[in-house]
Amino acid sequence: MEDNKILATVNGKNITEQDAYYFLNQLSPQVAIQFRTPDGIKNLVNELINQELFYLQAIEDELDKEENFIQQLERIKKQVLIQYAVEKLFSSIVVEDEEISNYYMNHRESFVIPEKVRASHILVDSLDEANEILNQLKDGMAFEEAARKYSSCPSKENGGDLGEFTRGQMVQEFEDAAFSLAEGEISEPVKTQFGYHIIKLITKKESEISPLEDVKEQIKSYLLSSKQRELFSARTDELKGKFEVNMYL
C-alpha cells in the first residue's frame, strides 16, 4: 500500500489515508469498529467527503467570521492551550527504576496477596443427612461423586468445587472451617444459614508479597501521578504569585 494513499478529492483537496486514520483515532473504539471493514472504509471516506463539503460551504458563507463562531473558537482554543501547557509541564517527569524499587521496599505491606484456599463442599438440609454422607466418604466414596449425588448447591455440577476464595468472601462459619483444614482434609458437618456443609480443602496458598515485576507498572503509574500532582501544585502556587487572583465565594 502506498504511503499516505489518496482516497478521494474534494474541490482539488486530497483526502488521504492519514486523514482517515486521524478521523478513526478521534472515535471511541465502539464507534470506530464499524469503519474497519471494506464497506466501512467506503463509509468513512464518504463521511470525510461530507465534512469537507460542509467546511467549504461554511468558508464560502463566511461562517468563520461570525461573532458566535469566533467566541466558540476562542473557548476551544483556550481549553486546548491549557491542556497543551499542562502536558508540556509534565513532559519532563521521569520515574526511574530505582524509585520504583525503593517504593516497593518501603511499602511491601501494600502488596500483600492474602491467604487463599480452594475448597469443595456438599450442602444438605439436615445434620443427619450430612453425617450419613460423611460416613459414605469415610467408606471410600469419592467426594466429587457424593457432591453430584447429594448436594443442593449448584456447585454440585463441578463436584462441589467452589474455586479459590479469600477471607471475607464466604459466611463466617464456612470460612473458619475451610481455612482451618489441611490440604485434602474433609471437615465435620458445618452449620450455616444455608444448611449443613461438608467441606474438602483442595489447596491452600499462604499470604505472600507480590513480586516487584508484578506490581512495577502499578507503582510507576502511582509515582508518576504523584509527581504530576506535586508539580502541578507547585506551578499553580508560582503562577498565583505572578498573576493577581481574587476569589469571591
Protein backbone atom coordinates (compact mmCIF):
# COMPACT_ATOMS: atom_id res chain seq x y z
CA MET A 1 0.00 0.00 0.00
CA GLU A 2 1.30 3.44 -0.92
CA ASP A 3 2.42 5.82 1.79
CA ASN A 4 -0.45 8.19 2.56
CA LYS A 5 -2.56 6.97 -0.34
CA ILE A 6 -5.10 9.45 -1.75
CA LEU A 7 -8.60 8.12 -1.10
CA ALA A 8 -10.66 10.94 -2.63
CA THR A 9 -10.53 14.57 -3.70
CA VAL A 10 -12.99 17.37 -3.00
CA ASN A 11 -12.64 20.59 -4.99
CA GLY A 12 -8.97 19.73 -5.57
CA LYS A 13 -8.31 18.91 -1.87
CA ASN A 14 -6.87 15.41 -1.27
CA ILE A 15 -8.37 13.14 1.38
CA THR A 16 -5.65 10.68 2.32
CA GLU A 17 -5.16 7.55 4.41
CA GLN A 18 -3.59 9.73 7.10
CA ASP A 19 -6.79 11.78 7.22
CA ALA A 20 -8.78 8.54 7.60
CA TYR A 21 -6.52 7.24 10.39
CA TYR A 22 -6.71 10.57 12.21
CA PHE A 23 -10.51 10.52 11.97
CA LEU A 24 -10.66 6.94 13.29
CA ASN A 25 -8.41 7.80 16.23
CA GLN A 26 -10.84 10.52 17.33
CA LEU A 27 -13.65 7.99 17.63
CA SER A 28 -14.45 5.70 20.54
CA PRO A 29 -13.45 2.05 19.92
CA GLN A 30 -17.13 1.04 19.81
CA VAL A 31 -17.86 3.52 17.01
CA ALA A 32 -14.56 3.07 15.16
CA ILE A 33 -15.01 -0.68 14.76
CA GLN A 34 -17.89 -0.18 12.31
CA PHE A 35 -15.49 1.53 9.90
CA ARG A 36 -12.83 -1.23 10.00
CA THR A 37 -14.36 -3.29 7.15
CA PRO A 38 -14.22 -2.86 3.35
CA ASP A 39 -17.70 -1.30 3.33
CA GLY A 40 -16.83 0.61 6.47
CA ILE A 41 -13.82 2.22 4.77
CA LYS A 42 -16.08 3.46 1.97
CA ASN A 43 -18.49 4.88 4.54
CA LEU A 44 -15.58 6.54 6.34
CA VAL A 45 -14.34 8.18 3.14
CA ASN A 46 -17.86 9.34 2.37
CA GLU A 47 -18.05 10.87 5.85
CA LEU A 48 -14.75 12.70 5.28
CA ILE A 49 -16.06 13.93 1.91
CA ASN A 50 -19.23 15.20 3.59
CA GLN A 51 -17.22 17.01 6.25
CA GLU A 52 -15.03 18.66 3.62
CA LEU A 53 -18.13 19.76 1.69
CA PHE A 54 -19.63 21.36 4.79
CA TYR A 55 -16.29 23.04 5.52
CA LEU A 56 -16.03 24.51 2.04
CA GLN A 57 -19.60 25.80 2.16
CA ALA A 58 -19.06 27.27 5.64
CA ILE A 59 -16.00 29.18 4.38
CA GLU A 60 -17.91 30.38 1.32
CA ASP A 61 -20.74 31.57 3.60
CA GLU A 62 -18.13 33.28 5.82
CA LEU A 63 -19.40 31.49 8.90
CA ASP A 64 -15.86 31.70 10.27
CA LYS A 65 -16.32 35.47 10.55
CA GLU A 66 -19.48 35.28 12.65
CA GLU A 67 -19.10 36.51 16.23
CA ASN A 68 -20.67 33.41 17.73
CA PHE A 69 -18.21 31.17 15.89
CA ILE A 70 -15.26 33.31 16.93
CA GLN A 71 -16.33 33.08 20.58
CA GLN A 72 -16.72 29.30 20.38
CA LEU A 73 -13.34 29.02 18.67
CA GLU A 74 -11.69 31.06 21.43
CA ARG A 75 -13.20 28.83 24.11
CA ILE A 76 -11.95 25.71 22.34
CA LYS A 77 -8.54 27.31 21.74
CA LYS A 78 -8.28 28.18 25.44
CA GLN A 79 -9.04 24.62 26.55
CA VAL A 80 -6.60 23.11 24.05
CA LEU A 81 -3.90 25.59 25.08
CA ILE A 82 -4.41 24.80 28.78
CA GLN A 83 -4.18 21.07 28.06
CA TYR A 84 -1.08 21.60 25.93
CA ALA A 85 0.58 23.71 28.65
CA VAL A 86 -0.10 21.04 31.30
CA GLU A 87 1.18 18.27 29.03
CA LYS A 88 4.31 20.31 28.33
CA LEU A 89 4.79 20.86 32.08
CA PHE A 90 4.54 17.11 32.72
CA SER A 91 6.73 16.10 29.78
CA SER A 92 9.93 16.36 31.83
CA ILE A 93 8.71 13.99 34.56
CA VAL A 94 10.54 10.67 34.68
CA VAL A 95 10.10 7.76 37.08
CA GLU A 96 13.36 5.84 37.45
CA ASP A 97 13.57 2.09 38.16
CA GLU A 98 15.42 2.88 41.40
CA GLU A 99 12.46 4.98 42.60
CA ILE A 100 10.11 2.09 41.85
CA SER A 101 12.32 -0.38 43.72
CA ASN A 102 12.65 1.94 46.72
CA TYR A 103 8.89 2.47 46.90
CA TYR A 104 8.32 -1.28 46.70
CA MET A 105 10.78 -1.98 49.51
CA ASN A 106 9.29 0.74 51.72
CA HIS A 107 5.66 -0.23 51.12
CA ARG A 108 5.77 -4.00 50.88
CA GLU A 109 2.73 -4.28 53.13
CA SER A 110 0.69 -2.61 50.37
CA PHE A 111 1.39 -5.51 48.01
CA VAL A 112 0.31 -8.41 50.21
CA ILE A 113 -1.56 -11.20 48.45
CA PRO A 114 -3.97 -12.51 51.10
CA GLU A 115 -4.19 -16.12 52.16
CA LYS A 116 -6.29 -18.07 49.69
CA VAL A 117 -7.89 -21.50 49.62
CA ARG A 118 -9.68 -23.64 47.10
CA ALA A 119 -12.41 -25.85 48.50
CA SER A 120 -15.29 -28.10 47.53
CA HIS A 121 -18.40 -28.69 49.58
CA ILE A 122 -21.55 -30.72 49.85
CA LEU A 123 -24.62 -28.82 51.10
CA VAL A 124 -27.61 -30.58 52.64
CA ASP A 125 -30.54 -29.58 54.83
CA SER A 126 -30.05 -31.74 57.93
CA LEU A 127 -27.29 -32.83 60.25
CA ASP A 128 -28.39 -36.46 59.98
CA GLU A 129 -28.05 -36.35 56.21
CA ALA A 130 -24.64 -34.69 56.48
CA ASN A 131 -23.42 -37.37 58.90
CA GLU A 132 -24.69 -40.14 56.62
CA ILE A 133 -22.80 -38.67 53.65
CA LEU A 134 -19.71 -38.25 55.81
CA ASN A 135 -19.84 -41.96 56.68
CA GLN A 136 -20.03 -42.82 52.98
CA LEU A 137 -16.99 -40.64 52.34
CA LYS A 138 -15.10 -42.42 55.10
CA ASP A 139 -16.07 -45.74 53.48
CA GLY A 140 -14.37 -44.64 50.26
CA MET A 141 -16.99 -42.77 48.24
CA ALA A 142 -15.36 -40.04 46.12
CA PHE A 143 -16.14 -36.53 47.35
CA GLU A 144 -16.99 -35.34 43.84
CA GLU A 145 -19.41 -38.24 43.36
CA ALA A 146 -21.11 -37.52 46.68
CA ALA A 147 -21.42 -33.82 45.81
CA ARG A 148 -23.09 -34.60 42.49
CA LYS A 149 -25.42 -37.10 44.15
CA TYR A 150 -26.40 -35.29 47.35
CA SER A 151 -25.51 -31.58 47.32
CA SER A 152 -28.22 -28.95 46.87
CA CYS A 153 -25.70 -26.30 45.80
CA PRO A 154 -25.27 -25.51 42.06
CA SER A 155 -21.57 -26.29 42.55
CA LYS A 156 -22.59 -29.96 42.53
CA GLU A 157 -22.21 -29.85 38.74
CA ASN A 158 -18.48 -29.28 39.32
CA GLY A 159 -18.18 -31.92 42.01
CA GLY A 160 -18.77 -29.28 44.67
CA ASP A 161 -15.77 -27.19 43.62
CA LEU A 162 -16.17 -23.55 44.74
CA GLY A 163 -12.89 -22.36 43.25
CA GLU A 164 -10.45 -20.12 45.11
CA PHE A 165 -11.52 -17.57 47.69
CA THR A 166 -10.01 -15.34 50.34
CA ARG A 167 -11.25 -14.46 53.81
CA GLY A 168 -14.38 -12.33 53.77
CA GLN A 169 -15.95 -13.97 50.71
CA MET A 170 -17.86 -16.74 52.48
CA VAL A 171 -20.11 -16.76 55.54
CA GLN A 172 -18.07 -16.78 58.74
CA GLU A 173 -18.75 -20.37 59.86
CA PHE A 174 -17.86 -21.77 56.45
CA GLU A 175 -14.77 -19.60 56.18
CA ASP A 176 -13.46 -20.51 59.63
CA ALA A 177 -13.82 -24.21 58.89
CA ALA A 178 -12.29 -24.04 55.40
CA PHE A 179 -9.23 -22.07 56.45
CA SER A 180 -8.58 -24.40 59.40
CA LEU A 181 -8.31 -27.51 57.21
CA ALA A 182 -5.18 -29.03 55.75
CA GLU A 183 -4.98 -29.77 52.03
CA GLY A 184 -7.03 -32.88 51.24
CA GLU A 185 -8.76 -32.85 54.64
CA ILE A 186 -12.55 -33.18 54.92
CA SER A 187 -14.43 -31.33 57.65
CA GLU A 188 -17.10 -32.47 60.04
CA PRO A 189 -20.56 -31.02 59.20
CA VAL A 190 -20.53 -27.22 59.41
CA LYS A 191 -23.82 -25.41 60.07
CA THR A 192 -24.53 -22.08 58.35
CA GLN A 193 -27.67 -20.17 57.43
CA PHE A 194 -27.80 -22.23 54.23
CA GLY A 195 -27.77 -25.67 55.86
CA TYR A 196 -25.04 -28.19 56.67
CA HIS A 197 -21.79 -28.28 54.73
CA ILE A 198 -19.15 -30.95 54.37
CA ILE A 199 -16.02 -29.16 53.19
CA LYS A 200 -12.98 -30.57 51.45
CA LEU A 201 -9.91 -28.36 51.21
CA ILE A 202 -8.23 -28.76 47.84
CA THR A 203 -5.35 -26.26 48.03
CA LYS A 204 -4.15 -23.57 50.39
CA LYS A 205 -1.92 -20.63 49.46
CA GLU A 206 -0.35 -18.74 52.32
CA SER A 207 -0.25 -14.95 52.33
CA GLU A 208 2.69 -13.54 50.36
CA ILE A 209 4.14 -10.35 48.93
CA SER A 210 3.57 -9.74 45.22
CA PRO A 211 6.86 -9.88 43.27
CA LEU A 212 8.16 -6.48 42.16
CA GLU A 213 7.74 -7.36 38.49
CA ASP A 214 4.02 -8.00 39.03
CA VAL A 215 3.40 -4.55 40.54
CA LYS A 216 6.07 -2.49 38.76
CA GLU A 217 3.67 -0.77 36.35
CA GLN A 218 1.20 -0.10 39.16
CA ILE A 219 3.92 1.59 41.23
CA LYS A 220 5.21 3.52 38.23
CA SER A 221 1.73 4.85 37.49
CA TYR A 222 1.26 5.88 41.13
CA LEU A 223 4.64 7.65 41.32
CA LEU A 224 4.03 9.39 38.01
CA SER A 225 0.64 10.67 39.20
CA SER A 226 2.17 11.82 42.50
CA LYS A 227 4.90 13.75 40.70
CA GLN A 228 2.34 15.30 38.38
CA ARG A 229 0.19 16.44 41.30
CA GLU A 230 3.21 17.91 43.12
CA LEU A 231 4.49 19.70 40.02
CA PHE A 232 1.02 21.00 39.15
CA SER A 233 0.55 22.32 42.69
CA ALA A 234 3.98 23.97 42.73
CA ARG A 235 3.40 25.56 39.33
CA THR A 236 -0.05 26.79 40.41
CA ASP A 237 1.41 28.41 43.54
CA GLU A 238 4.09 30.04 41.41
CA LEU A 239 1.53 31.44 38.97
CA LYS A 240 -0.66 32.74 41.81
CA GLY A 241 2.34 34.81 42.87
CA LYS A 242 2.73 36.11 39.34
CA PHE A 243 -0.87 36.87 38.40
CA GLU A 244 -3.49 38.53 40.57
CA VAL A 245 -6.15 36.12 41.83
CA ASN A 246 -9.32 37.10 43.71
CA MET A 247 -11.98 34.65 44.91
CA TYR A 248 -15.43 35.88 45.90
CA LEU A 249 -17.04 32.83 47.50
